[in-house]
């Protein structure tokens, strides 16, 4: 059958077959190439993470690990309730003093009906006081330095109608106890 085709018809068929191969290659090859590039990028990112975790002899990676350790908040394992109450209250009181907050009340709330998280109970400490707005923000920024703090459960700021910079602060923070 190909013997009966003219030279021009053969070139047309060859050109059509080549065009079909290019179209199929383009439609299948381009997504594969994009996937390959994404995989290479993800692999490079994973290698960088591994380098940060286990720096080896690389000075830049060791410096990055040191910065990461400073950025991550410190956490102490929960103690028995009697010990943890004192430790958490003292550390939180110190933070309140540093921030310059005038504390009216500092009391534990909901100890009998404390929520359980695994083998630990969640204990809440509520602080009511007066401060300036920037002092409240300074306290919130420094809370992650408390090694016994688990989280901020509730915060309420009420502005003084006469002086907008003064606020009444109600802050509930929590810790774990055994």
Protein backbone atom coordinates (compact mmCIF):
# COMPACT_ATOMS: atom_id res chain seq x y z
CA UNK A 1 0.00 0.00 0.00
CA UNK A 2 2.84 2.40 0.76
CA UNK A 3 4.30 1.54 -2.63
CA UNK A 4 1.26 3.03 -4.38
CA UNK A 5 1.57 6.39 -2.52
CA UNK A 6 3.31 9.28 -4.14
CA UNK A 7 6.39 10.90 -2.65
CA UNK A 8 4.32 13.86 -1.51
CA UNK A 9 1.81 11.59 0.32
CA UNK A 10 4.65 9.75 2.06
CA UNK A 11 6.12 13.05 3.31
CA UNK A 12 2.68 14.12 4.56
CA UNK A 13 2.20 10.87 6.45
CA UNK A 14 5.70 11.07 7.93
CA UNK A 15 5.14 14.70 8.94
CA UNK A 16 1.77 13.81 10.53
CA UNK A 17 3.32 10.89 12.44
CA UNK A 18 6.15 13.12 13.66
CA UNK A 19 3.63 15.81 14.71
CA UNK A 20 1.56 13.19 16.56
CA UNK A 21 4.69 11.99 18.40
CA UNK A 22 5.61 15.55 19.35
CA UNK A 23 2.07 16.26 20.64
CA UNK A 24 1.96 13.03 22.66
CA UNK A 25 5.47 13.65 23.99
CA UNK A 26 4.57 17.22 24.91
CA UNK A 27 1.32 16.28 26.67
CA UNK A 28 2.93 13.42 28.60
CA UNK A 29 6.44 14.79 29.05
CA UNK A 30 5.63 18.29 30.31
CA UNK A 31 3.67 17.13 33.40
CA UNK A 32 6.38 14.57 34.10
CA UNK A 33 9.05 17.30 33.88
CA UNK A 34 7.12 19.58 36.25
CA UNK A 35 6.66 16.72 38.72
CA UNK A 36 10.36 15.93 38.51
CA UNK A 37 11.27 19.57 39.25
CA UNK A 38 8.87 19.70 42.24
CA UNK A 39 10.33 16.46 43.57
CA UNK A 40 13.86 17.82 43.28
CA UNK A 41 12.85 21.02 45.11
CA UNK A 42 11.12 19.02 47.88
CA UNK A 43 14.16 16.78 48.19
CA UNK A 44 16.46 19.77 48.55
CA UNK A 45 14.20 21.20 51.27
CA UNK A 46 14.20 17.88 53.15
CA UNK A 47 17.99 17.69 52.93
CA UNK A 48 18.18 21.19 54.40
CA UNK A 49 15.88 20.15 57.28
CA UNK A 50 18.02 17.10 57.98
CA UNK A 51 21.10 19.30 57.96
CA UNK A 52 19.47 21.53 60.60
CA UNK A 53 18.58 18.57 62.80
CA UNK A 54 21.94 16.83 62.48
CA UNK A 55 24.38 19.58 61.52
CA UNK A 56 27.57 17.54 61.53
CA UNK A 57 30.59 19.77 60.84
CA UNK A 58 28.76 22.53 58.97
CA UNK A 59 29.18 25.83 60.91
CA UNK A 60 26.18 27.52 59.28
CA UNK A 61 23.90 24.61 60.17
CA UNK A 62 25.20 24.56 63.75
CA UNK A 63 24.43 28.28 64.05
CA UNK A 64 20.93 27.70 62.66
CA UNK A 65 20.31 24.95 65.22
CA UNK A 66 21.44 27.29 67.98
CA UNK A 67 19.00 29.98 66.80
CA UNK A 68 16.22 27.40 66.59
CA UNK A 69 16.86 26.29 70.17
CA UNK A 70 16.61 29.90 71.34
CA UNK A 71 13.33 30.42 69.45
CA UNK A 72 11.57 27.33 70.78
CA UNK A 73 9.97 27.91 74.19
CA UNK A 74 11.30 25.97 77.15
CA UNK A 75 9.05 23.34 78.69
CA UNK A 76 9.35 21.50 81.97
CA UNK A 77 7.57 18.20 82.54
CA UNK A 78 4.58 18.47 84.88
CA UNK A 79 5.15 17.77 88.57
CA UNK A 80 2.67 16.62 91.20
CA UNK A 81 -0.14 19.08 91.81
CA UNK A 82 1.22 20.55 95.07
CA UNK A 83 4.63 21.22 93.54
CA UNK A 84 3.36 22.38 90.15
CA UNK A 85 0.93 24.89 91.69
CA UNK A 86 3.76 26.68 93.48
CA UNK A 87 6.20 26.51 90.56
CA UNK A 88 3.70 27.77 88.00
CA UNK A 89 2.33 30.54 90.26
CA UNK A 90 5.82 31.80 91.13
CA UNK A 91 7.01 31.80 87.51
CA UNK A 92 3.84 33.56 86.34
CA UNK A 93 4.00 36.10 89.19
CA UNK A 94 7.58 36.91 88.21
CA UNK A 95 6.47 37.53 84.63
CA UNK A 96 3.66 39.79 85.84
CA UNK A 97 6.17 41.80 87.91
CA UNK A 98 8.55 42.10 84.97
CA UNK A 99 5.76 43.42 82.77
CA UNK A 100 4.75 45.95 85.47
CA UNK A 101 1.17 44.72 85.90
CA UNK A 102 -0.60 45.64 89.15
CA UNK A 103 -2.19 42.34 90.19
CA UNK A 104 -5.46 42.44 92.15
CA UNK A 105 -6.15 38.69 92.27
CA UNK A 106 -4.18 35.63 91.25
CA UNK A 107 -6.13 32.43 91.84
CA UNK A 108 -6.55 28.94 90.47
CA UNK A 109 -9.94 28.26 88.87
CA UNK A 110 -11.77 25.01 88.19
CA UNK A 111 -9.39 22.68 90.06
CA UNK A 112 -12.11 20.17 90.95
CA UNK A 113 -13.44 19.88 87.40
CA UNK A 114 -10.11 20.13 85.63
CA UNK A 115 -10.04 18.72 82.12
CA UNK A 116 -7.89 15.62 81.62
CA UNK A 117 -5.37 15.39 78.80
CA UNK A 118 -3.94 11.89 78.78
CA UNK A 119 -2.38 11.18 82.17
CA UNK A 120 -2.33 14.88 83.11
CA UNK A 121 -4.91 17.39 84.29
CA UNK A 122 -5.17 20.93 83.00
CA UNK A 123 -4.92 23.51 85.78
CA UNK A 124 -5.97 27.13 85.14
CA UNK A 125 -4.58 30.21 86.85
CA UNK A 126 -6.55 33.44 86.51
CA UNK A 127 -5.02 36.86 86.97
CA UNK A 128 -6.98 40.09 87.32
CA UNK A 129 -5.09 43.33 87.32
CA UNK A 130 -4.55 46.77 85.91
CA UNK A 131 -1.87 47.88 83.51
CA UNK A 132 -1.14 49.90 80.43
CA UNK A 133 -1.83 48.41 77.02
CA UNK A 134 1.85 48.08 76.08
CA UNK A 135 2.53 46.24 79.37
CA UNK A 136 -0.18 43.70 78.53
CA UNK A 137 1.40 43.14 75.12
CA UNK A 138 4.84 42.79 76.70
CA UNK A 139 3.46 40.12 79.03
CA UNK A 140 1.87 38.21 76.16
CA UNK A 141 5.12 38.35 74.18
CA UNK A 142 7.12 37.00 77.14
CA UNK A 143 4.72 34.21 78.15
CA UNK A 144 6.55 31.57 76.12
CA UNK A 145 9.55 31.98 78.46
CA UNK A 146 7.54 30.35 81.28
CA UNK A 147 8.62 26.68 81.31
CA UNK A 148 5.40 25.55 83.01
CA UNK A 149 2.95 27.37 80.73
CA UNK A 150 0.78 25.24 78.46
CA UNK A 151 -1.44 27.90 76.96
CA UNK A 152 -3.50 31.06 77.26
CA UNK A 153 -7.07 29.99 77.88
CA UNK A 154 -8.77 33.40 78.03
CA UNK A 155 -7.81 37.05 77.82
CA UNK A 156 -9.97 40.11 78.33
CA UNK A 157 -8.82 43.70 78.01
CA UNK A 158 -11.19 46.49 79.04
CA UNK A 159 -10.11 50.06 78.41
CA UNK A 160 -10.53 52.72 81.06
CA UNK A 161 -13.03 55.27 79.69
CA UNK A 162 -10.98 58.21 81.01
CA UNK A 163 -7.54 57.03 79.88
CA UNK A 164 -7.48 54.65 76.92
CA UNK A 165 -3.93 53.48 77.65
CA UNK A 166 -4.96 51.96 81.01
CA UNK A 167 -6.74 48.62 80.79
CA UNK A 168 -8.27 46.11 83.16
CA UNK A 169 -6.66 42.77 82.34
CA UNK A 170 -8.21 39.36 82.98
CA UNK A 171 -5.87 36.61 81.84
CA UNK A 172 -6.34 32.88 82.30
CA UNK A 173 -3.32 30.66 81.66
CA UNK A 174 -2.99 26.93 82.10
CA UNK A 175 -0.46 24.26 83.04
CA UNK A 176 -0.44 20.48 83.32
CA UNK A 177 -0.28 18.62 86.64
CA UNK A 178 0.08 14.91 87.42
